Amino acid sequence: MSSGELAASTKLEAEEPLGGVLGDTAGGGGGGSPVPVAAGGGEKEIEIESEEQRNKFLVLRLYEALNARDPGGVQALLAPDLEWWFHGPPKHQHMMRLLTSGGGSSAAASSNNKFVFSPRSVDAFGSTVIAEGPPTPAAATAYWVHAWTVGPDGVITQLREYFNTDLTVTRLAAAASKCVWQSHRPDRNTNSLPGLVLAL
């Protein structure tokens, strides 16, 4: 590989480890477009990151820092005045406890230390990134969805958190609204949960 090819691929290779930490959510698919880049005497196609891809990777880095219990890494990705909204049973406010280091009772603190946010899917719609997580061994009955908003300066400014709630995301248009995302719970046919709509 020539030095020109190495320089062209450095940015893409730097983001590959996220897939190893969080599974396939960082990889695969969409949003970027291949662009031919002259390298040495030939052309090589590289994929230019879209805004949606950058936002997805930012959110994946946040989960990586949260699960590593890395306060500095978390603070670097969040606005200091993060707006947080929660819907679900109060006992599932794990994210609030992680972000504020609040544990309340020792039982709640112990449960909080065990809870891991491992998204099984991450999708971006402009500045909004939707992450969905399955129940974990520490909280076998907890199904969660996070809707993160990434600001223009590249930090996360808002979190809408849903626990044990079916979420439908719609994009509003002048004439009508269009459903762009729905919860993908494996137990949807056997377990009924409250439903909410998030309008973008």
Protein backbone atom coordinates (compact mmCIF):
# COMPACT_ATOMS: atom_id res chain seq x y z
CA MET A 1 0.00 0.00 0.00
CA SER A 2 1.43 3.40 -0.97
CA SER A 3 1.63 6.28 1.49
CA GLY A 4 -1.17 8.06 -0.39
CA GLU A 5 -3.47 5.04 -0.01
CA LEU A 6 -2.55 4.74 3.66
CA ALA A 7 -3.41 8.39 4.31
CA ALA A 8 -6.72 8.05 2.46
CA SER A 9 -7.75 5.04 4.53
CA THR A 10 -6.57 6.18 7.96
CA LYS A 11 -9.84 7.85 9.00
CA LEU A 12 -11.91 4.82 8.09
CA GLU A 13 -9.61 2.35 9.85
CA ALA A 14 -9.65 4.43 13.02
CA GLU A 15 -13.35 3.74 13.46
CA GLU A 16 -13.30 -0.03 12.89
CA PRO A 17 -12.69 -0.93 16.59
CA LEU A 18 -16.19 0.28 17.50
CA GLY A 19 -17.70 -2.68 15.68
CA GLY A 20 -15.57 -5.03 17.75
CA VAL A 21 -16.77 -3.52 21.02
CA LEU A 22 -20.45 -3.14 20.22
CA GLY A 23 -21.05 -5.86 17.65
CA ASP A 24 -22.35 -5.20 14.18
CA THR A 25 -24.17 -1.97 15.02
CA ALA A 26 -21.32 0.25 13.84
CA GLY A 27 -20.77 -1.50 10.57
CA GLY A 28 -22.73 -2.31 7.53
CA GLY A 29 -24.57 -0.02 5.47
CA GLY A 30 -25.55 3.10 4.52
CA GLY A 31 -25.42 6.76 4.10
CA GLY A 32 -21.98 7.34 2.64
CA SER A 33 -21.13 7.40 -1.00
CA PRO A 34 -18.02 5.99 -2.62
CA VAL A 35 -15.78 8.64 -4.12
CA PRO A 36 -12.84 7.87 -6.39
CA VAL A 37 -9.61 9.27 -4.94
CA ALA A 38 -6.37 9.47 -6.87
CA ALA A 39 -3.66 7.59 -5.01
CA GLY A 40 -0.33 7.24 -6.72
CA GLY A 41 -1.04 6.29 -10.31
CA GLY A 42 -4.51 4.80 -9.92
CA GLU A 43 -7.85 5.43 -8.34
CA LYS A 44 -9.22 3.93 -5.17
CA GLU A 45 -12.79 4.25 -3.94
CA ILE A 46 -13.25 5.36 -0.36
CA GLU A 47 -16.51 6.06 1.42
CA ILE A 48 -17.08 9.59 2.64
CA GLU A 49 -18.87 9.70 5.99
CA SER A 50 -22.29 11.28 5.99
CA GLU A 51 -23.60 13.38 8.86
CA GLU A 52 -25.77 10.44 9.89
CA GLN A 53 -22.78 8.07 10.00
CA ARG A 54 -20.78 10.53 12.11
CA ASN A 55 -23.71 10.85 14.51
CA LYS A 56 -24.07 7.06 14.78
CA PHE A 57 -20.36 6.64 15.52
CA LEU A 58 -20.54 9.41 18.14
CA VAL A 59 -23.37 7.60 19.94
CA LEU A 60 -21.53 4.26 19.69
CA ARG A 61 -18.45 5.89 21.26
CA LEU A 62 -20.70 7.15 24.06
CA TYR A 63 -21.99 3.63 24.80
CA GLU A 64 -18.42 2.38 24.76
CA ALA A 65 -17.42 5.03 27.35
CA LEU A 66 -20.53 4.38 29.48
CA ASN A 67 -19.94 0.64 29.60
CA ALA A 68 -16.26 1.20 30.45
CA ARG A 69 -17.40 3.55 33.26
CA ASP A 70 -15.14 6.26 31.77
CA PRO A 71 -16.44 9.64 33.06
CA GLY A 72 -13.95 11.68 31.03
CA GLY A 73 -14.89 9.92 27.81
CA VAL A 74 -18.60 10.43 28.53
CA GLN A 75 -18.20 14.13 29.38
CA ALA A 76 -16.30 14.76 26.15
CA LEU A 77 -19.29 13.55 24.11
CA LEU A 78 -22.15 15.23 26.03
CA ALA A 79 -23.16 18.88 26.29
CA PRO A 80 -22.83 20.11 29.89
CA ASP A 81 -26.55 21.01 29.90
CA LEU A 82 -27.82 17.74 28.41
CA GLU A 83 -31.62 17.67 28.22
CA TRP A 84 -32.88 14.29 29.46
CA TRP A 85 -36.43 12.96 29.18
CA PHE A 86 -37.50 9.55 30.54
CA HIS A 87 -40.55 7.34 30.03
CA GLY A 88 -40.85 4.07 31.91
CA PRO A 89 -40.70 2.56 35.39
CA PRO A 90 -38.57 4.76 37.72
CA LYS A 91 -36.49 1.75 38.79
CA HIS A 92 -35.05 1.66 35.23
CA GLN A 93 -33.44 5.11 35.33
CA HIS A 94 -30.02 3.49 34.89
CA MET A 95 -28.77 6.15 32.47
CA MET A 96 -29.55 8.98 34.89
CA ARG A 97 -27.62 7.17 37.62
CA LEU A 98 -24.68 6.59 35.29
CA LEU A 99 -24.57 10.20 34.12
CA THR A 100 -25.00 11.76 37.55
CA SER A 101 -23.18 9.10 39.59
CA GLY A 102 -26.28 8.99 41.74
CA GLY A 103 -27.04 5.64 43.22
CA GLY A 104 -29.68 6.37 45.84
CA SER A 105 -29.95 3.24 47.93
CA SER A 106 -27.10 0.75 47.96
CA ALA A 107 -29.35 -1.78 46.14
CA ALA A 108 -30.01 0.75 43.34
CA ALA A 109 -26.31 1.61 43.13
CA SER A 110 -25.41 -2.08 42.88
CA SER A 111 -28.00 -2.64 40.12
CA ASN A 112 -26.72 0.46 38.29
CA ASN A 113 -23.14 -0.83 38.33
CA LYS A 114 -24.24 -4.05 36.61
CA PHE A 115 -26.47 -2.54 33.92
CA VAL A 116 -24.81 -2.46 30.50
CA PHE A 117 -26.21 -0.56 27.54
CA SER A 118 -25.45 -2.78 24.53
CA PRO A 119 -27.45 -1.53 21.55
CA ARG A 120 -28.46 -4.20 19.07
CA SER A 121 -29.39 -1.58 16.46
CA VAL A 122 -28.44 2.03 15.86
CA ASP A 123 -30.14 4.13 13.17
CA ALA A 124 -29.71 7.81 12.36
CA PHE A 125 -32.20 10.28 10.91
CA GLY A 126 -30.36 13.58 10.48
CA SER A 127 -29.32 14.81 13.92
CA THR A 128 -31.42 12.16 15.72
CA VAL A 129 -29.88 8.76 16.49
CA ILE A 130 -32.13 5.90 17.66
CA ALA A 131 -30.50 3.07 19.63
CA GLU A 132 -32.43 0.01 20.72
CA GLY A 133 -31.32 -2.48 23.33
CA PRO A 134 -32.43 -5.92 24.31
CA PRO A 135 -33.01 -7.11 27.81
CA THR A 136 -29.73 -7.81 29.61
CA PRO A 137 -28.96 -10.56 32.12
CA ALA A 138 -28.87 -7.91 34.88
CA ALA A 139 -32.32 -6.60 33.93
CA ALA A 140 -34.07 -9.38 32.06
CA THR A 141 -37.37 -7.52 31.79
CA ALA A 142 -35.94 -4.21 30.54
CA TYR A 143 -36.37 -3.28 26.88
CA TRP A 144 -35.00 0.18 26.07
CA VAL A 145 -34.84 2.74 23.27
CA HIS A 146 -32.73 5.89 23.30
CA ALA A 147 -33.29 8.85 20.98
CA TRP A 148 -30.14 11.00 21.03
CA THR A 149 -29.89 14.45 19.44
CA VAL A 150 -26.46 15.51 18.17
CA GLY A 151 -25.88 19.27 18.03
CA PRO A 152 -24.14 21.10 15.18
CA ASP A 153 -20.91 21.24 17.23
CA GLY A 154 -20.71 17.42 17.34
CA VAL A 155 -21.77 16.83 20.94
CA ILE A 156 -24.95 15.20 22.20
CA THR A 157 -27.46 17.76 23.46
CA GLN A 158 -30.56 15.69 24.22
CA LEU A 159 -31.60 12.20 25.31
CA ARG A 160 -35.11 10.80 25.20
CA GLU A 161 -35.07 7.49 27.02
CA TYR A 162 -37.83 4.87 26.83
CA PHE A 163 -37.91 1.75 29.01
CA ASN A 164 -40.48 -1.00 28.42
CA THR A 165 -42.17 1.25 25.86
CA ASP A 166 -42.90 0.63 22.18
CA LEU A 167 -41.65 3.59 20.17
CA THR A 168 -42.66 4.75 16.70
CA VAL A 169 -40.60 7.50 15.06
CA THR A 170 -42.29 9.62 12.41
CA ARG A 171 -40.99 12.36 10.15
CA LEU A 172 -43.42 15.24 9.80
CA ALA A 173 -44.03 16.72 6.38
CA ALA A 174 -46.31 19.49 5.17
CA ALA A 175 -49.02 17.14 3.90
CA ALA A 176 -48.56 14.02 6.04
CA SER A 177 -46.29 12.18 8.42
CA LYS A 178 -44.24 9.13 7.54
CA CYS A 179 -43.16 6.33 9.88
CA VAL A 180 -39.36 5.95 9.65
CA TRP A 181 -38.66 3.60 12.59
CA GLN A 182 -40.51 1.25 14.97
CA SER A 183 -39.47 -0.79 17.98
CA HIS A 184 -38.20 -4.27 17.06
CA ARG A 185 -39.00 -6.22 20.21
CA PRO A 186 -38.67 -9.99 19.83
CA ASP A 187 -41.59 -10.51 22.23
CA ARG A 188 -43.93 -8.03 20.55
CA ASN A 189 -46.58 -10.68 19.81
CA THR A 190 -46.70 -12.02 23.37
CA ASN A 191 -45.97 -8.96 25.52
CA SER A 192 -47.95 -5.74 25.27
CA LEU A 193 -46.23 -2.46 26.24
CA PRO A 194 -47.36 1.17 26.23
CA GLY A 195 -46.68 2.91 22.92
CA LEU A 196 -45.46 6.42 22.16
CA VAL A 197 -44.77 8.39 18.96
CA LEU A 198 -41.67 10.57 18.53
CA ALA A 199 -42.08 13.18 15.79
CA LEU A 200 -38.97 14.49 14.03
